[in-house]
C-alpha atoms as a PDB file:
ATOM      1  CA  MET A   1     236.040 282.313 304.930  1.00  0.00           C
ATOM      2  CA  SER A   2     232.692 281.136 306.372  1.00  0.00           C
ATOM      3  CA  ASN A   3     229.692 282.866 304.512  1.00  0.00           C
ATOM      4  CA  ARG A   4     228.184 285.365 307.336  1.00  0.00           C
ATOM      5  CA  LYS A   5     226.259 287.047 304.479  1.00  0.00           C
ATOM      6  CA  ASP A   6     223.292 285.188 304.819  1.00  0.00           C
ATOM      7  CA  GLY A   7     222.899 286.191 308.046  1.00  0.00           C
ATOM      8  CA  THR A   8     220.671 287.987 310.429  1.00  0.00           C
ATOM      9  CA  ILE A   9     219.446 291.435 309.032  1.00  0.00           C
ATOM     10  CA  ILE A  10     218.696 292.992 312.381  1.00  0.00           C
ATOM     11  CA  VAL A  11     215.567 295.952 312.194  1.00  0.00           C
ATOM     12  CA  ILE A  12     215.481 298.319 314.962  1.00  0.00           C
ATOM     13  CA  GLU A  13     212.279 300.481 314.015  1.00  0.00           C
ATOM     14  CA  ASP A  14     209.843 301.218 316.902  1.00  0.00           C
ATOM     15  CA  ASP A  15     206.867 302.119 314.414  1.00  0.00           C
ATOM     16  CA  PRO A  16     204.986 299.073 314.034  1.00  0.00           C
ATOM     17  CA  ASP A  17     203.493 300.326 310.404  1.00  0.00           C
ATOM     18  CA  ASP A  18     207.407 300.698 308.901  1.00  0.00           C
ATOM     19  CA  GLN A  19     208.185 297.615 310.885  1.00  0.00           C
ATOM     20  CA  LEU A  20     205.155 295.808 308.552  1.00  0.00           C
ATOM     21  CA  PHE A  21     206.311 298.108 305.893  1.00  0.00           C
ATOM     22  CA  ILE A  22     209.784 296.633 305.924  1.00  0.00           C
ATOM     23  CA  ARG A  23     209.433 292.877 306.438  1.00  0.00           C
ATOM     24  CA  ASP A  24     206.955 293.271 303.332  1.00  0.00           C
ATOM     25  CA  ALA A  25     209.290 294.632 300.994  1.00  0.00           C
ATOM     26  CA  PHE A  26     211.848 291.669 302.519  1.00  0.00           C
ATOM     27  CA  LEU A  27     208.907 288.968 301.908  1.00  0.00           C
ATOM     28  CA  ILE A  28     209.303 290.822 298.305  1.00  0.00           C
ATOM     29  CA  LEU A  29     212.555 290.635 297.754  1.00  0.00           C
ATOM     30  CA  ASP A  30     213.521 287.165 299.614  1.00  0.00           C
ATOM     31  CA  TYR A  31     216.545 287.298 300.671  1.00  0.00           C
ATOM     32  CA  PRO A  32     218.174 283.746 302.487  1.00  0.00           C
ATOM     33  CA  ASN A  33     218.649 286.077 305.867  1.00  0.00           C
ATOM     34  CA  ARG A  34     216.154 285.426 308.621  1.00  0.00           C
ATOM     35  CA  ILE A  35     214.408 289.525 309.851  1.00  0.00           C
ATOM     36  CA  ILE A  36     214.763 290.065 313.074  1.00  0.00           C
ATOM     37  CA  PHE A  37     212.640 293.001 314.311  1.00  0.00           C
ATOM     38  CA  PHE A  38     213.526 295.088 317.492  1.00  0.00           C
ATOM     39  CA  GLU A  39     211.049 298.130 318.972  1.00  0.00           C
ATOM     40  CA  ASP A  40     213.909 300.108 320.691  1.00  0.00           C
ATOM     41  CA  GLY A  41     217.321 300.114 320.582  1.00  0.00           C
ATOM     42  CA  TYR A  42     217.810 298.685 324.652  1.00  0.00           C
ATOM     43  CA  LYS A  43     216.352 294.643 322.873  1.00  0.00           C
ATOM     44  CA  ALA A  44     218.650 295.546 320.029  1.00  0.00           C
ATOM     45  CA  LEU A  45     221.240 295.738 322.492  1.00  0.00           C
ATOM     46  CA  GLU A  46     220.851 293.268 325.286  1.00  0.00           C
ATOM     47  CA  TYR A  47     219.953 290.253 321.743  1.00  0.00           C
ATOM     48  CA  ILE A  48     222.654 291.338 320.302  1.00  0.00           C
ATOM     49  CA  GLU A  49     224.793 290.955 323.700  1.00  0.00           C
ATOM     50  CA  SER A  50     223.241 287.457 324.699  1.00  0.00           C
ATOM     51  CA  THR A  51     223.427 285.712 321.400  1.00  0.00           C
ATOM     52  CA  ASP A  52     226.349 283.801 319.332  1.00  0.00           C
ATOM     53  CA  ILE A  53     224.912 284.685 316.185  1.00  0.00           C
ATOM     54  CA  LYS A  54     227.170 287.013 314.216  1.00  0.00           C
ATOM     55  CA  PRO A  55     224.666 289.454 311.976  1.00  0.00           C
ATOM     56  CA  PHE A  56     224.495 290.430 308.156  1.00  0.00           C
ATOM     57  CA  LEU A  57     223.974 294.000 309.063  1.00  0.00           C
ATOM     58  CA  ILE A  58     222.283 296.145 311.289  1.00  0.00           C
ATOM     59  CA  LEU A  59     219.294 298.513 309.899  1.00  0.00           C
ATOM     60  CA  SER A  60     218.471 300.850 312.840  1.00  0.00           C
ATOM     61  CA  ASP A  61     215.809 304.135 312.917  1.00  0.00           C
ATOM     62  CA  VAL A  62     217.450 306.668 314.439  1.00  0.00           C
ATOM     63  CA  ASN A  63     214.312 308.565 315.968  1.00  0.00           C
ATOM     64  CA  MET A  64     213.530 305.993 319.149  1.00  0.00           C
ATOM     65  CA  PRO A  65     212.251 306.586 322.235  1.00  0.00           C
ATOM     66  CA  ILE A  66     214.829 305.171 325.377  1.00  0.00           C
ATOM     67  CA  LEU A  67     217.624 304.572 323.714  1.00  0.00           C
ATOM     68  CA  ASN A  68     217.954 305.996 319.942  1.00  0.00           C
ATOM     69  CA  GLY A  69     220.088 304.684 316.968  1.00  0.00           C
ATOM     70  CA  PHE A  70     222.612 307.266 317.459  1.00  0.00           C
ATOM     71  CA  GLU A  71     223.201 305.783 321.328  1.00  0.00           C
ATOM     72  CA  LEU A  72     222.798 302.340 320.576  1.00  0.00           C
ATOM     73  CA  ARG A  73     225.912 302.846 317.840  1.00  0.00           C
ATOM     74  CA  GLN A  74     227.824 304.413 320.657  1.00  0.00           C
ATOM     75  CA  LYS A  75     226.993 301.312 323.207  1.00  0.00           C
ATOM     76  CA  ILE A  76     228.128 299.257 320.328  1.00  0.00           C
ATOM     77  CA  GLN A  77     231.195 300.780 319.380  1.00  0.00           C
ATOM     78  CA  ASN A  78     232.293 301.250 323.596  1.00  0.00           C
ATOM     79  CA  ASN A  79     231.922 296.819 324.095  1.00  0.00           C
ATOM     80  CA  ARG A  80     234.651 295.428 322.838  1.00  0.00           C
ATOM     81  CA  GLU A  81     233.899 292.197 321.828  1.00  0.00           C
ATOM     82  CA  LEU A  82     230.520 293.631 320.041  1.00  0.00           C
ATOM     83  CA  SER A  83     233.130 296.550 317.996  1.00  0.00           C
ATOM     84  CA  ILE A  84     235.218 293.547 316.726  1.00  0.00           C
ATOM     85  CA  ARG A  85     231.976 291.283 315.435  1.00  0.00           C
ATOM     86  CA  CYS A  86     232.515 294.952 312.789  1.00  0.00           C
ATOM     87  CA  ILE A  87     228.942 294.467 312.121  1.00  0.00           C
ATOM     88  CA  PRO A  88     227.951 296.671 309.480  1.00  0.00           C
ATOM     89  CA  TYR A  89     225.945 300.052 310.826  1.00  0.00           C
ATOM     90  CA  LEU A  90     223.130 301.159 308.855  1.00  0.00           C
ATOM     91  CA  SER A  91     220.481 304.412 310.404  1.00  0.00           C
ATOM     92  CA  PHE A  92     217.131 304.188 308.361  1.00  0.00           C
ATOM     93  CA  THR A  93     214.824 306.885 309.198  1.00  0.00           C
ATOM     94  CA  THR A  94     211.949 308.409 307.753  1.00  0.00           C
ATOM     95  CA  GLY A  95     213.831 312.515 308.598  1.00  0.00           C
ATOM     96  CA  THR A  96     216.494 313.613 309.204  1.00  0.00           C
ATOM     97  CA  ASP A  97     218.993 317.361 308.707  1.00  0.00           C
ATOM     98  CA  ARG A  98     222.194 317.402 308.371  1.00  0.00           C
ATOM     99  CA  GLN A  99     223.911 317.047 311.884  1.00  0.00           C
ATOM    100  CA  ALA A 100     221.875 313.668 311.832  1.00  0.00           C
ATOM    101  CA  VAL A 101     223.671 312.692 308.784  1.00  0.00           C
ATOM    102  CA  GLN A 102     227.211 314.314 310.589  1.00  0.00           C
ATOM    103  CA  ASN A 103     226.670 312.994 314.074  1.00  0.00           C
ATOM    104  CA  ALA A 104     225.661 309.438 312.393  1.00  0.00           C
ATOM    105  CA  TYR A 105     229.488 308.936 310.257  1.00  0.00           C
ATOM    106  CA  ALA A 106     231.016 310.463 313.020  1.00  0.00           C
ATOM    107  CA  MET A 107     230.414 307.412 315.112  1.00  0.00           C
ATOM    108  CA  SER A 108     231.775 305.130 311.670  1.00  0.00           C
ATOM    109  CA  ALA A 109     228.019 304.097 310.571  1.00  0.00           C
ATOM    110  CA  GLN A 110     228.349 302.699 307.411  1.00  0.00           C
ATOM    111  CA  GLY A 111     225.511 304.413 305.907  1.00  0.00           C
ATOM    112  CA  PHE A 112     222.582 306.802 306.104  1.00  0.00           C
ATOM    113  CA  PHE A 113     219.267 305.691 304.469  1.00  0.00           C
ATOM    114  CA  ILE A 114     216.007 307.778 304.053  1.00  0.00           C
ATOM    115  CA  LYS A 115     212.741 305.210 304.059  1.00  0.00           C
ATOM    116  CA  PRO A 116     211.576 306.136 300.652  1.00  0.00           C
ATOM    117  CA  PRO A 117     206.994 306.064 301.269  1.00  0.00           C
ATOM    118  CA  SER A 118     206.486 303.661 298.667  1.00  0.00           C
ATOM    119  CA  MET A 119     206.835 299.723 298.731  1.00  0.00           C
ATOM    120  CA  SER A 120     208.902 300.695 295.403  1.00  0.00           C
ATOM    121  CA  GLY A 121     211.379 302.659 296.600  1.00  0.00           C
ATOM    122  CA  LEU A 122     211.259 300.634 299.535  1.00  0.00           C
ATOM    123  CA  GLU A 123     212.165 297.610 297.491  1.00  0.00           C
ATOM    124  CA  SER A 124     214.782 299.056 295.818  1.00  0.00           C
ATOM    125  CA  THR A 125     216.496 300.638 298.313  1.00  0.00           C
ATOM    126  CA  LEU A 126     217.125 297.891 300.770  1.00  0.00           C
ATOM    127  CA  ARG A 127     218.313 295.909 297.663  1.00  0.00           C
ATOM    128  CA  LYS A 128     220.958 298.253 296.941  1.00  0.00           C
ATOM    129  CA  ILE A 129     221.468 297.941 300.911  1.00  0.00           C
ATOM    130  CA  VAL A 130     222.060 294.309 300.824  1.00  0.00           C
ATOM    131  CA  GLU A 131     223.565 294.022 296.918  1.00  0.00           C
ATOM    132  CA  TYR A 132     226.760 296.339 298.461  1.00  0.00           C
ATOM    133  CA  TRP A 133     226.923 294.465 301.766  1.00  0.00           C
ATOM    134  CA  GLN A 134     227.027 291.371 299.817  1.00  0.00           C
ATOM    135  CA  GLU A 135     229.870 292.213 297.192  1.00  0.00           C
ATOM    136  CA  CYS A 136     231.938 294.730 299.761  1.00  0.00           C
ATOM    137  CA  HIS A 137     234.548 291.932 302.000  1.00  0.00           C
ATOM    138  CA  ALA A 138     234.497 293.330 305.521  1.00  0.00           C
ATOM    139  CA  PRO A 139     235.830 291.335 308.910  1.00  0.00           C
ATOM    140  CA  ASN A 140     233.387 289.628 310.239  1.00  0.00           C
ATOM    141  CA  GLN A 141     232.782 287.302 306.947  1.00  0.00           C
ATOM    142  CA  TYR A 142     236.177 285.997 308.143  1.00  0.00           C
ATOM    143  CA  SER A 143     236.450 282.488 310.002  1.00  0.00           C
ATOM    144  CA  ASP A 144     237.595 283.415 313.699  1.00  0.00           C
END
């Protein structure tokens, strides 16, 4: 069994302030995972398609221009090579409604989270997400 639990965490977030906020929270949490930020879904998709890395998880904003979080999830699911990587895909947004949550789960998102407004809340949420996926057995942790 290969350890992908310390793999890259991909964060797709178009707001520079939210990127900084998330980056600071991850610095405080001090996980060994490399954190890579993308400002839109297309850039993230290009990266995921063009690299052999096996990310630990993807945290994606929902409301983004160009390619939103739902559209990105759909493209990953519809790409056979990407879908068999079984990368946990989590929606991570500032606000939501019932329809957005239903859409996320209908597309097999593994979680839907609201970004807390405080640093302590963000740290707590990110800690729970990372620790859950560190404990969870997923197909992508096994050797090919």
